[in-house]
C-alpha atoms as a PDB file:
ATOM      1  CA  MET A   1      68.441 167.532  91.995  1.00  0.00           C
ATOM      2  CA  ARG A   2      71.035 170.126  91.952  1.00  0.00           C
ATOM      3  CA  ARG A   3      72.730 168.740  94.903  1.00  0.00           C
ATOM      4  CA  SER A   4      72.989 165.292  93.148  1.00  0.00           C
ATOM      5  CA  LYS A   5      74.335 167.086  89.903  1.00  0.00           C
ATOM      6  CA  TYR A   6      76.742 168.890  92.028  1.00  0.00           C
ATOM      7  CA  ALA A   7      77.858 165.647  93.652  1.00  0.00           C
ATOM      8  CA  VAL A   8      78.260 163.814  90.291  1.00  0.00           C
ATOM      9  CA  GLY A   9      80.430 166.802  89.019  1.00  0.00           C
ATOM     10  CA  LEU A  10      82.366 166.790  92.167  1.00  0.00           C
ATOM     11  CA  PHE A  11      82.967 163.037  92.056  1.00  0.00           C
ATOM     12  CA  THR A  12      83.823 163.363  88.030  1.00  0.00           C
ATOM     13  CA  GLY A  13      86.323 166.085  88.831  1.00  0.00           C
ATOM     14  CA  VAL A  14      87.973 164.099  91.822  1.00  0.00           C
ATOM     15  CA  ALA A  15      88.181 161.186  89.476  1.00  0.00           C
ATOM     16  CA  MET A  16      89.810 163.099  86.630  1.00  0.00           C
ATOM     17  CA  ALA A  17      92.278 164.574  89.066  1.00  0.00           C
ATOM     18  CA  ALA A  18      93.092 161.146  90.270  1.00  0.00           C
ATOM     19  CA  LEU A  19      93.456 159.692  86.871  1.00  0.00           C
ATOM     20  CA  SER A  20      95.833 162.839  86.048  1.00  0.00           C
ATOM     21  CA  LEU A  21      97.806 162.245  88.853  1.00  0.00           C
ATOM     22  CA  ALA A  22      98.085 158.427  88.215  1.00  0.00           C
ATOM     23  CA  THR A  23      99.202 159.260  84.558  1.00  0.00           C
ATOM     24  CA  ALA A  24     101.535 161.731  85.817  1.00  0.00           C
ATOM     25  CA  ALA A  25     103.036 159.090  88.298  1.00  0.00           C
ATOM     26  CA  GLN A  26     103.156 156.604  85.361  1.00  0.00           C
ATOM     27  CA  ALA A  27     105.026 158.875  83.200  1.00  0.00           C
ATOM     28  CA  GLY A  28     107.506 159.725  85.914  1.00  0.00           C
ATOM     29  CA  GLU A  29     108.167 156.131  86.089  1.00  0.00           C
ATOM     30  CA  LYS A  30     109.566 155.690  82.657  1.00  0.00           C
ATOM     31  CA  LYS A  31     112.918 153.899  82.815  1.00  0.00           C
ATOM     32  CA  THR A  32     116.179 154.921  81.035  1.00  0.00           C
ATOM     33  CA  VAL A  33     118.735 152.468  79.937  1.00  0.00           C
ATOM     34  CA  ALA A  34     122.319 153.622  79.178  1.00  0.00           C
ATOM     35  CA  TYR A  35     124.617 151.889  76.633  1.00  0.00           C
ATOM     36  CA  LEU A  36     128.171 152.037  77.218  1.00  0.00           C
ATOM     37  CA  ALA A  37     130.241 151.294  74.212  1.00  0.00           C
ATOM     38  CA  PRO A  38     134.132 150.758  74.262  1.00  0.00           C
ATOM     39  CA  SER A  39     134.188 152.748  70.957  1.00  0.00           C
ATOM     40  CA  LEU A  40     131.760 153.936  68.630  1.00  0.00           C
ATOM     41  CA  ASP A  41     134.412 154.116  65.779  1.00  0.00           C
ATOM     42  CA  ILE A  42     133.793 150.267  65.519  1.00  0.00           C
ATOM     43  CA  SER A  43     130.721 149.074  63.449  1.00  0.00           C
ATOM     44  CA  TYR A  44     129.873 146.275  65.692  1.00  0.00           C
ATOM     45  CA  TRP A  45     129.367 148.551  68.697  1.00  0.00           C
ATOM     46  CA  GLN A  46     127.198 150.822  66.728  1.00  0.00           C
ATOM     47  CA  TRP A  47     125.169 147.699  65.990  1.00  0.00           C
ATOM     48  CA  VAL A  48     124.845 146.577  69.552  1.00  0.00           C
ATOM     49  CA  GLY A  49     123.767 150.193  70.295  1.00  0.00           C
ATOM     50  CA  TYR A  50     121.029 149.967  67.744  1.00  0.00           C
ATOM     51  CA  GLY A  51     119.847 146.777  69.419  1.00  0.00           C
ATOM     52  CA  VAL A  52     119.769 148.474  72.799  1.00  0.00           C
ATOM     53  CA  LYS A  53     117.965 151.476  71.153  1.00  0.00           C
ATOM     54  CA  GLU A  54     115.227 149.764  69.472  1.00  0.00           C
ATOM     55  CA  LYS A  55     114.443 147.331  72.463  1.00  0.00           C
ATOM     56  CA  ALA A  56     114.271 150.433  74.726  1.00  0.00           C
ATOM     57  CA  LYS A  57     111.983 151.928  72.537  1.00  0.00           C
ATOM     58  CA  GLU A  58     109.710 148.768  72.212  1.00  0.00           C
ATOM     59  CA  LEU A  59     109.691 148.509  76.308  1.00  0.00           C
ATOM     60  CA  GLY A  60     108.936 152.179  76.667  1.00  0.00           C
ATOM     61  CA  MET A  61     112.281 153.084  77.919  1.00  0.00           C
ATOM     62  CA  ASP A  62     114.529 155.967  77.090  1.00  0.00           C
ATOM     63  CA  TYR A  63     117.865 155.634  75.612  1.00  0.00           C
ATOM     64  CA  VAL A  64     121.271 157.313  76.495  1.00  0.00           C
ATOM     65  CA  GLU A  65     124.701 156.285  75.125  1.00  0.00           C
ATOM     66  CA  TYR A  66     128.240 156.888  75.998  1.00  0.00           C
ATOM     67  CA  THR A  67     131.684 155.976  74.495  1.00  0.00           C
ATOM     68  CA  SER A  68     134.662 154.886  76.626  1.00  0.00           C
ATOM     69  CA  GLU A  69     137.142 155.727  73.874  1.00  0.00           C
ATOM     70  CA  ASN A  70     138.686 152.352  74.705  1.00  0.00           C
ATOM     71  CA  SER A  71     139.984 153.670  78.027  1.00  0.00           C
ATOM     72  CA  PRO A  72     139.084 151.937  81.519  1.00  0.00           C
ATOM     73  CA  ALA A  73     139.250 155.238  83.135  1.00  0.00           C
ATOM     74  CA  LYS A  74     136.734 156.919  80.845  1.00  0.00           C
ATOM     75  CA  GLN A  75     134.535 153.623  81.061  1.00  0.00           C
ATOM     76  CA  MET A  76     134.357 154.221  84.871  1.00  0.00           C
ATOM     77  CA  ASP A  77     133.704 158.003  84.480  1.00  0.00           C
ATOM     78  CA  ASN A  78     130.676 157.125  81.974  1.00  0.00           C
ATOM     79  CA  ALA A  79     129.326 154.770  84.462  1.00  0.00           C
ATOM     80  CA  ARG A  80     129.377 157.436  87.132  1.00  0.00           C
ATOM     81  CA  THR A  81     127.782 160.027  85.042  1.00  0.00           C
ATOM     82  CA  ALA A  82     124.972 157.747  83.977  1.00  0.00           C
ATOM     83  CA  VAL A  83     124.194 156.940  87.547  1.00  0.00           C
ATOM     84  CA  THR A  84     124.593 160.451  88.546  1.00  0.00           C
ATOM     85  CA  LYS A  85     121.760 161.477  85.737  1.00  0.00           C
ATOM     86  CA  GLY A  86     119.322 158.799  87.076  1.00  0.00           C
ATOM     87  CA  VAL A  87     119.805 155.841  84.528  1.00  0.00           C
ATOM     88  CA  ASP A  88     118.038 152.823  85.752  1.00  0.00           C
ATOM     89  CA  ALA A  89     119.849 150.185  83.920  1.00  0.00           C
ATOM     90  CA  ILE A  90     123.278 149.796  81.990  1.00  0.00           C
ATOM     91  CA  VAL A  91     124.129 147.683  79.046  1.00  0.00           C
ATOM     92  CA  ILE A  92     127.813 147.487  78.082  1.00  0.00           C
ATOM     93  CA  GLY A  93     130.283 146.551  75.906  1.00  0.00           C
ATOM     94  CA  PRO A  94     133.297 146.672  78.094  1.00  0.00           C
ATOM     95  CA  VAL A  95     136.676 148.051  76.986  1.00  0.00           C
ATOM     96  CA  SER A  96     138.192 144.868  78.334  1.00  0.00           C
ATOM     97  CA  SER A  97     136.930 142.253  80.792  1.00  0.00           C
ATOM     98  CA  THR A  98     139.766 142.792  83.026  1.00  0.00           C
ATOM     99  CA  SER A  99     138.601 146.556  83.430  1.00  0.00           C
ATOM    100  CA  THR A 100     135.296 145.147  84.827  1.00  0.00           C
ATOM    101  CA  PRO A 101     135.675 144.468  88.494  1.00  0.00           C
ATOM    102  CA  PRO A 102     135.740 148.227  89.921  1.00  0.00           C
ATOM    103  CA  LEU A 103     132.803 148.984  87.476  1.00  0.00           C
ATOM    104  CA  LEU A 104     130.806 146.018  88.846  1.00  0.00           C
ATOM    105  CA  ALA A 105     131.506 146.967  92.629  1.00  0.00           C
ATOM    106  CA  TYR A 106     130.478 150.301  91.856  1.00  0.00           C
ATOM    107  CA  LEU A 107     127.111 149.703  90.099  1.00  0.00           C
ATOM    108  CA  LYS A 108     126.206 146.982  92.755  1.00  0.00           C
ATOM    109  CA  SER A 109     126.687 149.669  95.541  1.00  0.00           C
ATOM    110  CA  GLN A 110     124.184 151.801  93.452  1.00  0.00           C
ATOM    111  CA  ASN A 111     121.725 148.970  92.747  1.00  0.00           C
ATOM    112  CA  ILE A 112     122.062 149.458  89.105  1.00  0.00           C
ATOM    113  CA  PRO A 113     121.421 146.262  86.994  1.00  0.00           C
ATOM    114  CA  ILE A 114     124.053 145.731  84.163  1.00  0.00           C
ATOM    115  CA  ALA A 115     124.147 143.630  81.076  1.00  0.00           C
ATOM    116  CA  PHE A 116     127.211 142.645  79.193  1.00  0.00           C
ATOM    117  CA  ALA A 117     127.048 142.498  75.399  1.00  0.00           C
ATOM    118  CA  GLY A 118     129.613 140.904  73.092  1.00  0.00           C
ATOM    119  CA  ILE A 119     132.495 140.774  75.889  1.00  0.00           C
ATOM    120  CA  GLY A 120     131.668 139.282  79.107  1.00  0.00           C
ATOM    121  CA  PRO A 121     133.176 140.250  82.520  1.00  0.00           C
ATOM    122  CA  GLN A 122     136.467 138.925  84.096  1.00  0.00           C
ATOM    123  CA  PRO A 123     136.208 135.445  84.780  1.00  0.00           C
ATOM    124  CA  GLY A 124     135.177 135.126  88.572  1.00  0.00           C
ATOM    125  CA  GLN A 125     132.933 138.052  88.756  1.00  0.00           C
ATOM    126  CA  THR A 126     129.467 137.647  89.649  1.00  0.00           C
ATOM    127  CA  ASP A 127     127.868 140.845  90.327  1.00  0.00           C
ATOM    128  CA  TYR A 128     126.158 141.300  87.262  1.00  0.00           C
ATOM    129  CA  THR A 129     122.643 140.967  86.036  1.00  0.00           C
ATOM    130  CA  SER A 130     123.218 139.288  82.694  1.00  0.00           C
ATOM    131  CA  SER A 131     125.966 138.553  79.930  1.00  0.00           C
ATOM    132  CA  VAL A 132     124.835 138.058  76.401  1.00  0.00           C
ATOM    133  CA  THR A 133     127.773 136.790  74.105  1.00  0.00           C
ATOM    134  CA  ALA A 134     128.554 134.552  71.484  1.00  0.00           C
ATOM    135  CA  ASN A 135     129.345 130.902  72.401  1.00  0.00           C
ATOM    136  CA  ASN A 136     132.900 131.797  71.753  1.00  0.00           C
ATOM    137  CA  TYR A 137     134.561 128.555  72.677  1.00  0.00           C
ATOM    138  CA  GLU A 138     132.558 126.425  70.731  1.00  0.00           C
ATOM    139  CA  THR A 139     132.484 128.843  67.826  1.00  0.00           C
ATOM    140  CA  GLY A 140     136.439 128.897  68.187  1.00  0.00           C
ATOM    141  CA  LYS A 141     136.513 125.057  67.985  1.00  0.00           C
ATOM    142  CA  ALA A 142     133.982 125.070  64.841  1.00  0.00           C
ATOM    143  CA  GLN A 143     136.077 127.809  63.011  1.00  0.00           C
ATOM    144  CA  GLY A 144     139.500 126.205  63.890  1.00  0.00           C
ATOM    145  CA  GLU A 145     138.188 122.985  62.219  1.00  0.00           C
ATOM    146  CA  PHE A 146     136.887 124.880  59.010  1.00  0.00           C
ATOM    147  CA  VAL A 147     139.998 126.760  58.813  1.00  0.00           C
ATOM    148  CA  CYS A 148     142.106 123.666  59.097  1.00  0.00           C
ATOM    149  CA  LYS A 149     139.996 122.219  56.222  1.00  0.00           C
ATOM    150  CA  LEU A 150     140.523 125.113  54.130  1.00  0.00           C
ATOM    151  CA  ALA A 151     144.539 124.853  54.560  1.00  0.00           C
ATOM    152  CA  LYS A 152     144.395 121.321  53.835  1.00  0.00           C
ATOM    153  CA  ASP A 153     142.201 121.633  50.810  1.00  0.00           C
ATOM    154  CA  ARG A 154     144.950 124.209  49.678  1.00  0.00           C
ATOM    155  CA  GLY A 155     147.904 121.716  50.188  1.00  0.00           C
ATOM    156  CA  GLY A 156     149.181 122.512  53.481  1.00  0.00           C
ATOM    157  CA  ASN A 157     148.532 122.595  57.338  1.00  0.00           C
ATOM    158  CA  GLN A 158     149.768 125.935  58.500  1.00  0.00           C
ATOM    159  CA  VAL A 159     147.309 128.382  59.766  1.00  0.00           C
ATOM    160  CA  GLY A 160     147.807 132.104  60.487  1.00  0.00           C
ATOM    161  CA  MET A 161     145.354 134.052  63.053  1.00  0.00           C
ATOM    162  CA  LEU A 162     144.263 137.627  63.299  1.00  0.00           C
ATOM    163  CA  SER A 163     143.206 137.798  66.910  1.00  0.00           C
ATOM    164  CA  LEU A 164     141.278 140.061  69.291  1.00  0.00           C
ATOM    165  CA  PRO A 165     142.936 141.650  72.084  1.00  0.00           C
ATOM    166  CA  GLN A 166     143.525 138.544  74.457  1.00  0.00           C
ATOM    167  CA  ASP A 167     142.657 140.654  77.734  1.00  0.00           C
ATOM    168  CA  ARG A 168     139.138 139.976  76.724  1.00  0.00           C
ATOM    169  CA  GLU A 169     137.467 136.721  77.859  1.00  0.00           C
ATOM    170  CA  ASN A 170     135.618 136.211  74.521  1.00  0.00           C
ATOM    171  CA  ALA A 171     139.010 136.310  72.756  1.00  0.00           C
ATOM    172  CA  GLN A 172     140.592 133.719  75.258  1.00  0.00           C
ATOM    173  CA  LYS A 173     137.706 131.317  74.571  1.00  0.00           C
ATOM    174  CA  TYR A 174     137.917 131.741  70.844  1.00  0.00           C
ATOM    175  CA  LEU A 175     141.648 130.942  71.163  1.00  0.00           C
ATOM    176  CA  LYS A 176     141.210 128.048  73.446  1.00  0.00           C
ATOM    177  CA  GLY A 177     138.639 126.609  71.063  1.00  0.00           C
ATOM    178  CA  ALA A 178     140.396 127.291  68.089  1.00  0.00           C
ATOM    179  CA  GLN A 179     144.067 125.808  69.569  1.00  0.00           C
ATOM    180  CA  GLU A 180     142.261 122.381  70.383  1.00  0.00           C
ATOM    181  CA  ALA A 181     140.315 122.230  67.167  1.00  0.00           C
ATOM    182  CA  LEU A 182     143.511 122.931  65.354  1.00  0.00           C
ATOM    183  CA  LYS A 183     145.580 120.316  67.028  1.00  0.00           C
ATOM    184  CA  ALA A 184     142.797 117.627  66.815  1.00  0.00           C
ATOM    185  CA  SER A 185     142.356 118.368  63.040  1.00  0.00           C
ATOM    186  CA  GLY A 186     146.299 118.115  62.253  1.00  0.00           C
ATOM    187  CA  CYS A 187     147.097 121.767  61.701  1.00  0.00           C
ATOM    188  CA  ASP A 188     149.556 124.196  63.229  1.00  0.00           C
ATOM    189  CA  LEU A 189     149.051 127.757  64.323  1.00  0.00           C
ATOM    190  CA  ALA A 190     152.136 129.277  62.530  1.00  0.00           C
ATOM    191  CA  GLN A 191     151.428 132.668  64.233  1.00  0.00           C
ATOM    192  CA  MET A 192     148.877 134.753  66.087  1.00  0.00           C
ATOM    193  CA  LEU A 193     148.818 138.530  65.869  1.00  0.00           C
ATOM    194  CA  GLU A 194     146.608 140.603  68.265  1.00  0.00           C
ATOM    195  CA  THR A 195     144.705 143.533  67.061  1.00  0.00           C
ATOM    196  CA  ARG A 196     144.637 146.760  69.086  1.00  0.00           C
ATOM    197  CA  GLY A 197     142.455 149.121  67.055  1.00  0.00           C
ATOM    198  CA  LEU A 198     140.396 146.609  65.182  1.00  0.00           C
ATOM    199  CA  THR A 199     140.698 148.545  61.909  1.00  0.00           C
ATOM    200  CA  VAL A 200     141.022 146.982  58.524  1.00  0.00           C
ATOM    201  CA  ASN A 201     144.365 148.921  58.014  1.00  0.00           C
ATOM    202  CA  GLU A 202     145.976 147.381  60.991  1.00  0.00           C
ATOM    203  CA  ALA A 203     144.633 143.777  59.760  1.00  0.00           C
ATOM    204  CA  VAL A 204     146.171 144.700  56.343  1.00  0.00           C
ATOM    205  CA  THR A 205     149.714 145.373  57.889  1.00  0.00           C
ATOM    206  CA  GLN A 206     149.297 142.194  60.081  1.00  0.00           C
ATOM    207  CA  ALA A 207     148.241 139.745  57.363  1.00  0.00           C
ATOM    208  CA  ASN A 208     151.205 141.084  55.358  1.00  0.00           C
ATOM    209  CA  ASP A 209     153.775 140.563  58.034  1.00  0.00           C
ATOM    210  CA  MET A 210     152.385 137.201  58.840  1.00  0.00           C
ATOM    211  CA  LEU A 211     152.491 135.858  55.122  1.00  0.00           C
ATOM    212  CA  THR A 212     155.905 137.444  54.830  1.00  0.00           C
ATOM    213  CA  ALA A 213     157.099 135.688  57.940  1.00  0.00           C
ATOM    214  CA  HIS A 214     155.193 132.286  57.110  1.00  0.00           C
ATOM    215  CA  PRO A 215     154.709 131.949  53.285  1.00  0.00           C
ATOM    216  CA  ASP A 216     153.407 128.379  53.962  1.00  0.00           C
ATOM    217  CA  ILE A 217     150.257 129.680  55.450  1.00  0.00           C
ATOM    218  CA  LYS A 218     147.346 128.232  53.669  1.00  0.00           C
ATOM    219  CA  ALA A 219     144.415 129.532  55.679  1.00  0.00           C
ATOM    220  CA  ILE A 220     143.668 132.356  58.054  1.00  0.00           C
ATOM    221  CA  TYR A 221     141.478 132.577  61.020  1.00  0.00           C
ATOM    222  CA  GLY A 222     140.152 135.880  61.608  1.00  0.00           C
ATOM    223  CA  MET A 223     138.690 136.455  65.056  1.00  0.00           C
ATOM    224  CA  TYR A 224     136.802 139.682  64.034  1.00  0.00           C
ATOM    225  CA  ASP A 225     135.192 140.988  60.906  1.00  0.00           C
ATOM    226  CA  GLU A 226     138.024 143.558  59.865  1.00  0.00           C
ATOM    227  CA  ALA A 227     140.497 140.809  59.959  1.00  0.00           C
ATOM    228  CA  GLY A 228     138.687 139.293  57.186  1.00  0.00           C
ATOM    229  CA  THR A 229     138.578 142.226  55.209  1.00  0.00           C
ATOM    230  CA  GLY A 230     142.183 143.167  55.689  1.00  0.00           C
ATOM    231  CA  ALA A 231     143.179 139.564  55.006  1.00  0.00           C
ATOM    232  CA  ALA A 232     141.186 139.537  51.722  1.00  0.00           C
ATOM    233  CA  LYS A 233     142.881 142.813  50.422  1.00  0.00           C
ATOM    234  CA  VAL A 234     146.230 141.469  51.227  1.00  0.00           C
ATOM    235  CA  LEU A 235     145.553 138.183  49.381  1.00  0.00           C
ATOM    236  CA  GLN A 236     144.129 140.159  46.232  1.00  0.00           C
ATOM    237  CA  THR A 237     147.316 142.380  46.335  1.00  0.00           C
ATOM    238  CA  ARG A 238     149.582 139.269  46.446  1.00  0.00           C
ATOM    239  CA  GLY A 239     147.655 137.300  43.824  1.00  0.00           C
ATOM    240  CA  LEU A 240     146.791 134.657  46.449  1.00  0.00           C
ATOM    241  CA  THR A 241     143.014 135.006  46.453  1.00  0.00           C
ATOM    242  CA  GLY A 242     141.543 131.458  46.784  1.00  0.00           C
ATOM    243  CA  LYS A 243     145.018 130.043  47.317  1.00  0.00           C
ATOM    244  CA  VAL A 244     144.764 130.925  50.999  1.00  0.00           C
ATOM    245  CA  GLY A 245     141.483 130.537  52.760  1.00  0.00           C
ATOM    246  CA  ILE A 246     139.915 132.894  55.109  1.00  0.00           C
ATOM    247  CA  ALA A 247     137.230 132.309  57.710  1.00  0.00           C
ATOM    248  CA  VAL A 248     135.953 135.308  59.728  1.00  0.00           C
ATOM    249  CA  ALA A 249     133.928 135.736  62.759  1.00  0.00           C
ATOM    250  CA  ASP A 250     131.190 138.561  63.322  1.00  0.00           C
ATOM    251  CA  GLY A 251     129.862 139.377  59.685  1.00  0.00           C
ATOM    252  CA  SER A 252     129.150 142.771  58.005  1.00  0.00           C
ATOM    253  CA  PRO A 253     127.816 143.800  54.551  1.00  0.00           C
ATOM    254  CA  THR A 254     131.591 144.081  53.639  1.00  0.00           C
ATOM    255  CA  THR A 255     132.439 140.523  54.557  1.00  0.00           C
ATOM    256  CA  ILE A 256     129.352 139.206  53.107  1.00  0.00           C
ATOM    257  CA  SER A 257     130.253 140.767  49.667  1.00  0.00           C
ATOM    258  CA  LEU A 258     133.617 139.156  50.021  1.00  0.00           C
ATOM    259  CA  LEU A 259     131.866 135.713  50.837  1.00  0.00           C
ATOM    260  CA  LYS A 260     129.650 135.986  47.742  1.00  0.00           C
ATOM    261  CA  SER A 261     132.754 136.750  45.543  1.00  0.00           C
ATOM    262  CA  ASN A 262     134.700 133.847  47.175  1.00  0.00           C
ATOM    263  CA  ALA A 263     137.394 136.166  48.596  1.00  0.00           C
ATOM    264  CA  ILE A 264     136.323 134.750  52.043  1.00  0.00           C
ATOM    265  CA  GLN A 265     135.121 130.936  52.234  1.00  0.00           C
ATOM    266  CA  GLY A 266     133.097 131.447  55.602  1.00  0.00           C
ATOM    267  CA  ILE A 267     131.649 133.729  57.965  1.00  0.00           C
ATOM    268  CA  PHE A 268     130.808 132.709  61.585  1.00  0.00           C
ATOM    269  CA  PHE A 269     127.927 135.415  62.298  1.00  0.00           C
ATOM    270  CA  GLN A 270     127.918 137.088  65.671  1.00  0.00           C
ATOM    271  CA  GLU A 271     124.575 138.657  66.498  1.00  0.00           C
ATOM    272  CA  ALA A 272     125.530 142.245  67.408  1.00  0.00           C
ATOM    273  CA  VAL A 273     122.048 143.603  67.138  1.00  0.00           C
ATOM    274  CA  GLY A 274     120.675 140.748  68.891  1.00  0.00           C
ATOM    275  CA  GLN A 275     123.181 141.005  71.861  1.00  0.00           C
ATOM    276  CA  GLY A 276     121.873 144.618  72.519  1.00  0.00           C
ATOM    277  CA  ILE A 277     118.215 143.407  72.145  1.00  0.00           C
ATOM    278  CA  ASP A 278     118.757 140.504  74.615  1.00  0.00           C
ATOM    279  CA  GLY A 279     120.960 142.491  76.899  1.00  0.00           C
ATOM    280  CA  THR A 280     118.282 145.231  77.147  1.00  0.00           C
ATOM    281  CA  GLN A 281     115.431 142.665  77.716  1.00  0.00           C
ATOM    282  CA  GLN A 282     117.597 141.148  80.714  1.00  0.00           C
ATOM    283  CA  VAL A 283     118.065 144.523  82.501  1.00  0.00           C
ATOM    284  CA  PHE A 284     114.447 145.530  81.982  1.00  0.00           C
ATOM    285  CA  ASN A 285     113.307 142.278  83.490  1.00  0.00           C
ATOM    286  CA  ALA A 286     115.608 142.975  86.481  1.00  0.00           C
ATOM    287  CA  ILE A 287     113.910 146.243  87.015  1.00  0.00           C
ATOM    288  CA  SER A 288     110.460 145.160  86.435  1.00  0.00           C
ATOM    289  CA  GLY A 289     110.820 141.925  88.906  1.00  0.00           C
ATOM    290  CA  ALA A 290     110.590 139.315  85.697  1.00  0.00           C
ATOM    291  CA  PRO A 291     112.924 136.463  85.478  1.00  0.00           C
ATOM    292  CA  ILE A 292     116.353 136.912  84.389  1.00  0.00           C
ATOM    293  CA  LYS A 293     118.648 134.660  82.337  1.00  0.00           C
ATOM    294  CA  LYS A 294     122.153 135.471  83.799  1.00  0.00           C
ATOM    295  CA  ASP A 295     124.381 133.976  81.157  1.00  0.00           C
ATOM    296  CA  LEU A 296     123.223 133.845  77.293  1.00  0.00           C
ATOM    297  CA  ALA A 297     125.858 132.378  74.924  1.00  0.00           C
ATOM    298  CA  LEU A 298     124.314 132.682  71.491  1.00  0.00           C
ATOM    299  CA  VAL A 299     125.102 130.389  68.821  1.00  0.00           C
ATOM    300  CA  MET A 300     127.341 131.642  65.931  1.00  0.00           C
ATOM    301  CA  PRO A 301     126.324 129.680  62.894  1.00  0.00           C
ATOM    302  CA  LEU A 302     128.642 129.292  59.875  1.00  0.00           C
ATOM    303  CA  VAL A 303     127.468 130.621  56.569  1.00  0.00           C
ATOM    304  CA  THR A 304     129.212 129.814  53.292  1.00  0.00           C
ATOM    305  CA  ALA A 305     128.673 131.390  49.805  1.00  0.00           C
ATOM    306  CA  ASP A 306     126.232 128.901  48.940  1.00  0.00           C
ATOM    307  CA  LYS A 307     124.078 129.508  51.564  1.00  0.00           C
ATOM    308  CA  VAL A 308     124.262 133.424  52.373  1.00  0.00           C
ATOM    309  CA  ASP A 309     120.949 133.912  50.599  1.00  0.00           C
ATOM    310  CA  SER A 310     118.897 131.035  52.262  1.00  0.00           C
ATOM    311  CA  PRO A 311     116.114 132.012  54.722  1.00  0.00           C
ATOM    312  CA  GLU A 312     118.048 130.726  57.457  1.00  0.00           C
ATOM    313  CA  ALA A 313     120.833 132.898  56.808  1.00  0.00           C
ATOM    314  CA  LYS A 314     118.622 136.174  56.169  1.00  0.00           C
ATOM    315  CA  ALA A 315     117.134 135.323  59.788  1.00  0.00           C
ATOM    316  CA  VAL A 316     120.398 135.329  61.387  1.00  0.00           C
ATOM    317  CA  ILE A 317     121.946 138.324  59.332  1.00  0.00           C
ATOM    318  CA  ALA A 318     118.758 140.427  60.704  1.00  0.00           C
ATOM    319  CA  ARG A 319     120.260 140.104  64.339  1.00  0.00           C
ATOM    320  CA  VAL A 320     123.834 141.080  63.022  1.00  0.00           C
ATOM    321  CA  PHE A 321     123.337 144.581  61.751  1.00  0.00           C
ATOM    322  CA  PRO A 322     120.704 146.913  61.250  1.00  0.00           C
ATOM    323  CA  PRO A 323     118.500 146.909  58.131  1.00  0.00           C
ATOM    324  CA  ALA A 324     119.882 150.055  56.854  1.00  0.00           C
ATOM    325  CA  ASN A 325     123.266 148.617  56.430  1.00  0.00           C
END
């Protein structure tokens, strides 16, 4: 009887030890995802990071983040640092599309899956896990058509554009779609100015310069959120609110407020949080052997002032910026 009790006790002890080892091994297998932002001074990239962090938490992953300070060299350093520290996957908003080939070559050599968010890789690159962006070309067309209508409703056909840097593939697609739509709709692109800092102050300066050089402009196409805010400020100062139309891409609490006051006529919402969520899911799938979607082009729905409080708009907005905002 004693031997039986001893045997049971021994078996129980061995089983518990084995369970402890299994638990420790499982804990040791916890994966880490790194988020590489081009800049964390821009709300959009903070919101992508929020999506990455929240999805990582849901998937049981650790989360670390780096900012590249708009420098391709810093971006490369961040990737090397992340790999050296043992991350298992990377979600990136790249500094530019043209900066991505050496980064992709390095991560391929290290067998690290990478998902792009917001801005895709340089055209022709294929060594990436997933690219989660907006459907920029189709959005460019839709926004171009909408902006042309704004101009014509205000008695003209001249349009100005505040553009993202054209070294980004998403900006190139926006522009191509917009140019096609403007031409087809009977509007002229009077001037396009590219941002470098994506700040409201820069957009104010550029919108002022554009309207001074081209006073017949009747609508402004904002390719990024701060462009809409800056353009609205300029129109208010010049007494042109409502007399010159504005449509903007991305969306934020600020531009939603401007939309509700009719200082902006339309927002094509881009799911910043959603891109972070979906990119993280794809790299997690890669390291866990689940199916991957290589190219995800998310729809950017147009929301106008009369629709902004609808359930459909609220569902979209929930994937644009965090609830606290």
